[in-house]
Protein backbone atom coordinates (compact mmCIF):
# COMPACT_ATOMS: atom_id res chain seq x y z
CA MET A 1 0.05 -0.07 0.03
CA GLU A 2 1.25 3.53 -0.99
CA ILE A 3 2.12 6.10 1.86
CA PRO A 4 -0.43 9.10 1.78
CA SER A 5 1.55 12.52 1.43
CA VAL A 6 -0.03 13.55 4.62
CA GLU A 7 0.09 11.72 7.93
CA SER A 8 -3.53 12.28 8.80
CA VAL A 9 -6.51 14.33 7.24
CA PHE A 10 -6.11 16.91 10.01
CA ASP A 11 -2.86 17.94 8.59
CA ALA A 12 -4.31 19.10 5.15
CA ALA A 13 -7.47 20.34 7.08
CA GLU A 14 -5.02 22.73 9.17
CA TRP A 15 -3.06 23.72 6.41
CA PHE A 16 -6.24 25.00 4.59
CA LEU A 17 -7.53 26.45 7.80
CA ASP A 18 -4.32 28.43 8.46
CA THR A 19 -3.82 29.42 4.97
CA ALA A 20 -7.42 31.05 4.94
CA LEU A 21 -6.92 32.63 8.23
CA ASN A 22 -3.39 34.17 6.91
CA ASP A 23 -5.21 35.45 3.80
CA GLY A 24 -8.13 36.95 5.84
CA GLU A 25 -10.67 34.43 5.28
CA TYR A 26 -13.16 32.47 7.37
CA LEU A 27 -13.05 28.93 6.15
CA GLN A 28 -16.16 27.30 6.28
CA PRO A 29 -16.32 23.86 7.28
CA MET A 30 -17.95 22.45 3.82
CA LYS A 31 -15.45 24.74 2.00
CA MET A 32 -12.75 22.73 3.54
CA GLN A 33 -14.16 19.42 2.79
CA TYR A 34 -14.43 20.43 -0.76
CA LEU A 35 -10.78 21.57 -0.98
CA MET A 36 -9.42 18.29 0.56
CA PHE A 37 -11.75 16.40 -1.85
CA LEU A 38 -10.09 18.19 -4.82
CA ALA A 39 -6.82 17.93 -3.17
CA GLN A 40 -7.24 14.18 -3.29
CA GLY A 41 -8.69 14.12 -6.56
CA TYR A 42 -5.79 16.03 -8.48
CA TYR A 43 -2.89 14.44 -6.34
CA ALA A 44 -4.31 10.89 -7.18
CA ALA A 45 -4.48 12.06 -11.05
CA LEU A 46 -0.80 13.57 -10.94
CA THR A 47 0.52 10.53 -9.17
CA GLN A 48 -1.06 7.96 -10.96
CA GLY A 49 -3.62 6.98 -8.20
CA LYS A 50 -1.68 7.63 -4.94
CA ARG A 51 -3.48 8.97 -1.88
CA PHE A 52 -2.86 12.34 -0.60
CA ILE A 53 -5.00 12.14 2.62
CA PRO A 54 -5.29 8.56 4.40
CA GLY A 55 -8.94 8.90 4.09
CA VAL A 56 -11.91 8.15 2.40
CA PHE A 57 -14.85 10.54 1.12
CA LEU A 58 -18.24 9.99 1.31
CA ALA A 59 -20.78 11.37 -0.92
CA THR A 60 -23.76 13.13 0.82
CA GLU A 61 -26.50 15.65 -0.18
CA ARG A 62 -24.18 18.42 1.07
CA GLY A 63 -21.37 17.36 -1.23
CA PRO A 64 -18.33 15.03 -0.56
CA ILE A 65 -17.16 14.66 3.11
CA GLU A 66 -14.20 13.03 4.85
CA PRO A 67 -16.05 11.86 7.77
CA ASN A 68 -13.36 12.03 10.74
CA SER A 69 -12.91 15.72 10.03
CA TYR A 70 -16.31 16.66 9.21
CA ARG A 71 -17.50 15.49 12.63
CA ILE A 72 -14.42 17.31 14.18
CA TYR A 73 -14.48 20.61 12.37
CA GLY A 74 -18.32 20.82 12.26
CA SER A 75 -18.76 23.13 14.98
CA ASN A 76 -15.33 24.84 15.86
CA ARG A 77 -11.72 24.29 15.57
CA PRO A 78 -10.08 21.57 17.56
CA VAL A 79 -6.74 22.39 19.61
CA LEU A 80 -4.13 20.30 17.44
CA SER A 81 -0.49 20.31 17.80
CA PRO A 82 0.74 21.77 14.28
CA ARG A 83 2.95 19.17 12.15
CA LYS A 84 5.66 20.44 9.86
CA MET A 85 4.61 19.59 6.39
CA ASN A 86 7.56 19.19 3.85
CA ARG A 87 7.83 21.49 1.06
CA VAL A 88 6.55 19.23 -1.71
CA THR A 89 3.44 18.65 -0.09
CA ALA A 90 2.82 22.57 1.24
CA SER A 91 3.36 23.31 -2.56
CA PHE A 92 0.81 21.08 -4.02
CA LEU A 93 -1.96 22.73 -1.12
CA GLN A 94 -0.77 26.05 -2.25
CA THR A 95 -1.83 25.08 -6.00
CA ILE A 96 -5.11 23.71 -4.57
CA TRP A 97 -5.67 27.00 -2.80
CA ALA A 98 -4.46 28.92 -5.44
CA ARG A 99 -7.07 27.50 -8.03
CA PHE A 100 -10.08 26.94 -5.79
CA GLY A 101 -9.34 28.95 -2.49
CA ALA A 102 -10.95 32.20 -3.76
CA TYR A 103 -14.59 30.82 -4.64
CA SER A 104 -17.40 30.60 -2.57
CA SER A 105 -18.48 27.06 -0.87
CA ASP A 106 -21.36 27.18 -3.09
CA TYR A 107 -19.55 27.59 -6.06
CA ILE A 108 -17.20 24.89 -5.28
CA TYR A 109 -20.25 22.42 -4.40
CA ASN A 110 -21.85 23.44 -7.72
CA LEU A 111 -18.50 22.47 -9.55
CA ILE A 112 -18.00 19.40 -7.83
CA SER A 113 -21.88 18.18 -8.11
CA GLY A 114 -21.14 18.12 -11.60
CA HIS A 115 -18.09 15.77 -11.51
CA SER A 116 -18.73 12.06 -12.35
CA PRO A 117 -16.93 10.47 -9.25
CA TYR A 118 -19.28 12.56 -6.66
CA ALA A 119 -22.32 12.37 -8.78
CA GLU A 120 -22.11 8.58 -9.39
CA ALA A 121 -21.40 7.64 -5.83
CA PHE A 122 -24.14 9.81 -4.76
CA ALA A 123 -26.39 8.43 -7.13
CA ALA A 124 -25.91 4.85 -5.72
CA GLY A 125 -26.92 6.29 -2.15
CA GLU A 126 -26.25 8.72 0.42
CA LYS A 127 -22.78 8.19 2.19
CA THR A 128 -21.58 5.88 -0.56
CA GLU A 129 -17.75 5.87 -0.91
CA ILE A 130 -16.35 7.67 -3.58
CA SER A 131 -13.71 5.56 -5.15
CA LEU A 132 -10.17 6.73 -5.58
CA PRO A 133 -9.67 4.94 -9.13
CA ALA A 134 -12.64 6.98 -10.33
CA MET A 135 -11.03 10.33 -8.76
CA THR A 136 -8.03 9.32 -10.63
CA GLU A 137 -9.51 8.78 -14.07
CA PHE A 138 -11.81 12.01 -13.81
CA TYR A 139 -9.42 14.23 -12.40
CA ALA A 140 -6.65 13.15 -14.68
CA GLY A 141 -8.44 14.39 -17.52
CA ARG A 142 -9.12 17.97 -16.00
CA ALA A 143 -5.55 18.14 -14.61
CA GLU A 144 -4.20 18.11 -18.53
CA LYS A 145 -6.60 20.94 -19.34
CA ASP A 146 -5.83 23.27 -16.16
CA GLU A 147 -2.40 25.19 -16.80
CA ARG A 148 -1.84 25.76 -12.99
CA LEU A 149 -2.25 22.06 -12.11
CA LYS A 150 -0.28 20.96 -14.92
CA ARG A 151 2.56 23.35 -13.96
CA ALA A 152 2.43 21.62 -10.40
CA GLU A 153 5.93 20.04 -10.40
CA PHE A 154 6.07 18.50 -7.18
CA GLY A 155 9.21 20.17 -5.23
CA THR A 156 10.97 21.85 -8.15
CA THR A 157 8.77 25.12 -8.23
CA ARG A 158 7.53 27.26 -5.36
CA ILE A 159 4.53 29.66 -5.98
CA LEU A 160 4.86 32.67 -4.16
CA ARG A 161 2.99 35.92 -4.29
CA SER A 162 4.24 39.50 -5.19
CA GLN A 163 3.57 42.88 -3.45
CA SER A 164 0.58 43.01 -5.73
CA GLY A 165 -0.58 39.38 -5.06
CA LYS A 166 0.22 38.08 -8.56
CA ALA A 167 1.54 34.32 -8.29
CA VAL A 168 5.30 34.17 -9.28
CA ALA A 169 7.25 30.97 -9.84
CA VAL A 170 10.51 30.66 -7.89
CA LYS A 171 13.22 28.24 -8.88
CA LYS A 172 16.69 27.84 -7.29
CA TRP A 173 19.17 29.93 -8.93
CA PHE A 174 22.41 28.45 -10.34
CA PRO A 175 25.34 30.59 -11.84
CA GLN A 176 26.09 29.72 -15.48
CA LYS A 177 29.10 28.20 -16.14
CA LYS A 178 31.51 30.59 -18.79
């Protein structure tokens, strides 16, 4: 079995919550669920089916949820000890945040509800598990069309923000040989 990129679903949840807070935004619990679902799907697509989060997502009327984090973060934020996340993982989450973080929870729900992995699982019944292979197949096609996600080279490029908020790619500089 492959080792997921993060140790627990709470690592990804805390990263999204902290990033939203740093951007001056309150992250609604359902928006966090949607972002984690998209992270799982796109990561699986970009890594040939590997899990990003060691958890499963269930199709519910409100959208895809990871049941453990849904229950814990449903009413308020628990106190958890922060864990250091490696740069590659943080860079991937930053790519997901840059792509979807500015959208409202309702917009992301409407987007995901049209995606076949969620729609097919929900059609099979409330709280049906959304399969990782279905997510991998569906999001592989979407990642190919999305320039930001296509450029998400794990660990080679860091995306930072300029003073105006524009995303800039940063690579390690090496002097040229003469």
